[in-house]
Amino acid sequence: MEHWESLCEGGLRFVYDDALFPPGTDTFLLSSLPRLKPGLKVCDLGCGTGLLSLLLLQRQRELYVTGVELQEEAALLARRAAEENALGPRLTICRGDLREVKGLFPTGSFDLVVCNPPYYVPESGRLAREEALRSARSEVTCTLSDVCAAAGYLLRWGGKFCLVHKPERLTDVLWELRRHRIEPKRLRFVCATAAAAPSLFLLEGSRGGKSGLTVEAPLILTAGGARPTPEVDAIYFRKEETP
């Protein structure tokens, strides 16, 4: 079943389908990492139905975002979302394989690349039956190396690559980034509470950057009474409650 929702009151509308990968907290959290400014050319690798692209555009309307998506059904929904929000040239959806970006764009075409990639290698657990869910969760159609190679090709020199991943894959991510000449620069762990171990991490790399990694304060999801922290409320565009 198809669902339409608004990111905030009067904000951009996004769409998802129960048969495809549903919107997740990790996508919202990733949208908070890039430092956005007007005029940036952004590529959203594996954009799905376009949620991450729309989140970035909700934060900064003067971006030019291109989403790349392999699955036809998801790409069609992402195009409909772009039309629904009358984004014109601000959001373009390209149906294609991120493993073949050299046939889609010239090298160095983007200032920023973002990706919420599959987290698990196929051998790490039981695969989902549905193709869309299987591709979104496990590296069956693209690997971490494929994602980093695509980002390295697409970014201009000095451009940024932002992704979200699981802590157990941190070493793999750092190694693949450097292998594709993207230097890890900013790392932020995500924790359910201040006392909990990280469940995710957010990472920004710079194409051709110098060595030097900054580990930022963790992003804490909930405070006392399991209430979302003010930072999480801001990421979700929630207004502060008045007493």
Protein backbone atom coordinates (compact mmCIF):
# COMPACT_ATOMS: atom_id res chain seq x y z
CA MET A 1 0.00 0.00 0.00
CA GLU A 2 1.17 3.51 -0.86
CA HIS A 3 1.45 6.18 1.86
CA TRP A 4 1.98 9.95 1.64
CA GLU A 5 3.14 12.04 4.58
CA SER A 6 4.54 15.53 5.20
CA LEU A 7 7.97 16.03 6.73
CA CYS A 8 6.52 18.85 8.81
CA GLU A 9 3.55 21.19 8.83
CA GLY A 10 3.50 22.85 5.42
CA GLY A 11 6.67 20.99 4.45
CA LEU A 12 7.63 18.66 1.64
CA ARG A 13 5.63 15.48 1.18
CA PHE A 14 7.26 12.06 0.86
CA VAL A 15 5.90 8.71 -0.25
CA TYR A 16 6.62 5.11 0.62
CA ASP A 17 5.10 1.75 -0.19
CA ASP A 18 4.70 -1.24 2.12
CA ALA A 19 6.22 -3.47 -0.57
CA LEU A 20 9.42 -1.38 -0.57
CA PHE A 21 11.84 -0.55 2.22
CA PRO A 22 9.96 1.66 4.74
CA PRO A 23 11.36 4.99 5.98
CA GLY A 24 13.73 4.52 8.90
CA THR A 25 15.35 6.55 11.65
CA ASP A 26 18.76 6.08 10.03
CA THR A 27 17.69 8.09 6.97
CA PHE A 28 16.49 10.99 9.12
CA LEU A 29 19.70 10.92 11.16
CA LEU A 30 21.89 10.86 8.06
CA SER A 31 20.11 13.94 6.71
CA SER A 32 21.41 15.93 9.69
CA LEU A 33 25.11 15.24 8.98
CA PRO A 34 25.98 17.17 5.78
CA ARG A 35 26.81 20.85 6.06
CA LEU A 36 24.52 22.29 3.43
CA LYS A 37 24.72 25.59 1.59
CA PRO A 38 22.84 27.01 -1.42
CA GLY A 39 23.84 25.78 -4.84
CA LEU A 40 25.39 22.47 -3.85
CA LYS A 41 25.08 19.66 -6.39
CA VAL A 42 24.12 16.53 -4.46
CA CYS A 43 23.86 12.88 -5.50
CA ASP A 44 21.74 10.48 -3.42
CA LEU A 45 22.99 6.97 -4.21
CA GLY A 46 20.29 4.31 -3.90
CA CYS A 47 17.70 7.00 -3.22
CA GLY A 48 14.73 4.63 -2.92
CA THR A 49 11.51 6.64 -2.99
CA GLY A 50 13.44 9.87 -2.37
CA LEU A 51 13.11 10.42 1.39
CA LEU A 52 16.74 11.40 2.04
CA SER A 53 16.74 13.74 -0.95
CA LEU A 54 13.59 15.44 0.34
CA LEU A 55 14.98 15.73 3.86
CA LEU A 56 18.03 17.55 2.51
CA LEU A 57 15.84 19.84 0.43
CA GLN A 58 13.64 20.54 3.44
CA ARG A 59 16.75 21.75 5.26
CA GLN A 60 18.14 23.72 2.32
CA ARG A 61 15.82 24.47 -0.62
CA GLU A 62 18.58 25.81 -2.88
CA LEU A 63 20.18 22.44 -3.57
CA TYR A 64 20.28 20.51 -6.83
CA VAL A 65 19.76 16.87 -5.92
CA THR A 66 20.01 13.88 -8.24
CA GLY A 67 18.76 10.56 -6.95
CA VAL A 68 20.06 7.30 -8.43
CA GLU A 69 17.86 4.25 -7.93
CA LEU A 70 18.02 0.76 -9.44
CA GLN A 71 14.49 -0.46 -8.65
CA GLU A 72 11.92 0.81 -11.12
CA GLU A 73 9.02 0.93 -8.64
CA ALA A 74 10.98 3.02 -6.15
CA ALA A 75 12.31 5.36 -8.85
CA LEU A 76 8.77 5.98 -10.13
CA LEU A 77 7.57 6.91 -6.64
CA ALA A 78 10.56 9.21 -6.16
CA ARG A 79 9.71 10.99 -9.42
CA ARG A 80 6.11 11.37 -8.28
CA ALA A 81 7.32 12.89 -5.01
CA ALA A 82 9.42 15.39 -6.96
CA GLU A 83 6.37 16.30 -9.02
CA GLU A 84 4.07 16.44 -5.98
CA ASN A 85 6.39 18.98 -4.36
CA ALA A 86 6.88 20.97 -7.60
CA LEU A 87 10.64 20.80 -7.17
CA GLY A 88 11.46 21.11 -10.86
CA PRO A 89 15.25 21.03 -11.40
CA ARG A 90 15.88 20.85 -7.63
CA LEU A 91 15.23 17.09 -7.60
CA THR A 92 15.94 14.78 -10.51
CA ILE A 93 15.57 11.01 -10.32
CA CYS A 94 17.78 8.81 -12.49
CA ARG A 95 16.91 5.15 -12.74
CA GLY A 96 20.24 3.39 -12.93
CA ASP A 97 22.80 1.17 -11.26
CA LEU A 98 25.29 2.90 -8.98
CA ARG A 99 27.85 0.32 -10.09
CA GLU A 100 27.65 1.88 -13.56
CA VAL A 101 27.81 5.59 -12.69
CA LYS A 102 30.58 6.13 -15.24
CA GLY A 103 27.93 5.70 -17.92
CA LEU A 104 25.52 8.09 -16.18
CA PHE A 105 27.60 11.13 -15.17
CA PRO A 106 30.99 12.72 -15.85
CA THR A 107 33.53 12.30 -13.08
CA GLY A 108 33.56 15.04 -10.45
CA SER A 109 29.95 16.06 -11.16
CA PHE A 110 28.88 16.54 -7.52
CA ASP A 111 29.85 18.53 -4.43
CA LEU A 112 28.19 16.10 -2.04
CA VAL A 113 27.25 12.42 -2.25
CA VAL A 114 24.99 10.80 0.36
CA CYS A 115 24.05 7.17 0.82
CA ASN A 116 22.16 4.95 3.22
CA PRO A 117 23.70 1.68 1.99
CA PRO A 118 22.88 -1.96 2.71
CA TYR A 119 24.39 -2.86 6.07
CA TYR A 120 24.91 -6.61 5.89
CA VAL A 121 26.98 -8.96 3.77
CA PRO A 122 24.75 -11.73 2.32
CA GLU A 123 26.36 -14.43 4.48
CA SER A 124 25.58 -12.61 7.76
CA GLY A 125 21.98 -13.77 8.16
CA ARG A 126 18.75 -14.85 6.52
CA LEU A 127 17.83 -12.77 3.50
CA ALA A 128 14.41 -11.15 3.10
CA ARG A 129 12.13 -12.83 0.56
CA GLU A 130 11.08 -9.57 -1.11
CA GLU A 131 13.65 -8.31 -3.62
CA ALA A 132 13.30 -4.66 -2.55
CA LEU A 133 13.88 -5.44 1.13
CA ARG A 134 16.70 -7.86 0.32
CA SER A 135 18.54 -5.23 -1.74
CA ALA A 136 18.04 -2.50 0.85
CA ARG A 137 19.30 -4.56 3.80
CA SER A 138 21.99 -6.82 2.32
CA GLU A 139 24.80 -6.37 -0.19
CA VAL A 140 23.20 -8.49 -2.88
CA THR A 141 23.01 -5.89 -5.66
CA CYS A 142 25.86 -3.63 -4.53
CA THR A 143 28.65 -3.91 -1.99
CA LEU A 144 30.21 -1.35 0.32
CA SER A 145 33.12 -1.20 -2.11
CA ASP A 146 30.72 -0.46 -4.99
CA VAL A 147 29.18 2.43 -3.04
CA CYS A 148 32.55 3.97 -2.14
CA ALA A 149 33.84 3.55 -5.69
CA ALA A 150 30.76 5.34 -7.05
CA ALA A 151 31.14 8.17 -4.53
CA GLY A 152 34.83 8.55 -5.34
CA TYR A 153 34.07 8.82 -9.05
CA LEU A 154 31.16 11.26 -8.66
CA LEU A 155 32.76 13.71 -6.23
CA ARG A 156 34.79 16.71 -7.28
CA TRP A 157 38.15 17.13 -5.56
CA GLY A 158 37.35 18.26 -2.00
CA GLY A 159 33.72 17.12 -2.26
CA LYS A 160 32.07 15.35 0.69
CA PHE A 161 30.63 11.87 1.08
CA CYS A 162 28.19 11.21 3.95
CA LEU A 163 26.84 7.81 4.93
CA VAL A 164 25.29 5.91 7.83
CA HIS A 165 26.30 2.39 8.81
CA LYS A 166 26.53 -0.16 11.63
CA PRO A 167 29.41 0.03 14.16
CA GLU A 168 30.52 -3.53 13.43
CA ARG A 169 31.34 -2.43 9.86
CA LEU A 170 33.34 0.67 10.84
CA THR A 171 36.72 -0.82 9.94
CA ASP A 172 35.37 -1.96 6.57
CA VAL A 173 33.96 1.50 5.84
CA LEU A 174 37.16 3.35 6.76
CA TRP A 175 39.27 0.97 4.67
CA GLU A 176 37.02 1.24 1.61
CA LEU A 177 36.87 5.03 1.82
CA ARG A 178 40.64 5.37 1.83
CA ARG A 179 40.95 2.79 -0.92
CA HIS A 180 38.81 5.06 -3.11
CA ARG A 181 40.68 8.24 -2.09
CA ILE A 182 37.99 9.54 0.25
CA GLU A 183 39.58 10.54 3.55
CA PRO A 184 37.41 10.01 6.68
CA LYS A 185 37.00 13.41 8.38
CA ARG A 186 34.01 13.43 10.75
CA LEU A 187 32.66 10.47 12.76
CA ARG A 188 29.62 10.54 15.01
CA PHE A 189 28.20 7.56 16.86
CA VAL A 190 24.45 7.19 17.44
CA CYS A 191 23.28 5.82 20.82
CA ALA A 192 19.77 5.04 22.03
CA THR A 193 20.61 6.56 25.44
CA ALA A 194 23.66 8.22 26.95
CA ALA A 195 24.58 4.92 28.64
CA ALA A 196 24.01 2.66 25.62
CA ALA A 197 26.58 1.34 23.17
CA PRO A 198 26.39 2.82 19.65
CA SER A 199 23.82 1.31 17.30
CA LEU A 200 24.82 3.32 14.22
CA PHE A 201 27.45 5.77 13.10
CA LEU A 202 27.41 8.76 10.77
CA LEU A 203 30.56 9.45 8.77
CA GLU A 204 31.72 12.22 6.44
CA GLY A 205 34.69 11.82 4.14
CA SER A 206 36.44 14.28 1.85
CA ARG A 207 37.57 13.41 -1.67
CA GLY A 208 41.35 13.78 -1.67
CA GLY A 209 41.38 15.20 1.86
CA LYS A 210 44.32 15.18 4.25
CA SER A 211 44.41 12.69 7.12
CA GLY A 212 42.79 13.73 10.39
CA LEU A 213 39.54 12.35 11.79
CA THR A 214 37.33 14.28 14.22
CA VAL A 215 35.15 12.14 16.50
CA GLU A 216 32.17 14.28 17.44
CA ALA A 217 29.96 13.99 20.51
CA PRO A 218 27.49 11.11 20.14
CA LEU A 219 23.99 11.70 18.89
CA ILE A 220 21.70 10.55 21.72
CA LEU A 221 18.22 9.48 20.64
CA THR A 222 16.29 9.47 23.92
CA ALA A 223 16.60 11.13 27.31
CA GLY A 224 14.76 10.52 30.58
CA GLY A 225 11.46 8.69 30.22
CA ALA A 226 12.41 7.53 26.70
CA ARG A 227 11.48 10.93 25.28
CA PRO A 228 13.31 12.01 22.11
CA THR A 229 16.11 14.45 22.76
CA PRO A 230 15.75 18.04 21.48
CA GLU A 231 18.28 17.26 18.74
CA VAL A 232 16.21 14.33 17.48
CA ASP A 233 13.07 16.49 17.56
CA ALA A 234 14.90 19.05 15.41
CA ILE A 235 16.01 16.35 12.96
CA TYR A 236 12.36 15.33 12.59
CA PHE A 237 11.29 18.99 12.23
CA ARG A 238 9.13 18.74 15.35
CA LYS A 239 8.15 21.98 17.03
CA GLU A 240 8.95 22.46 20.68
CA GLU A 241 5.97 21.83 22.92
CA THR A 242 4.81 24.87 24.84
CA PRO A 243 4.13 24.37 28.58
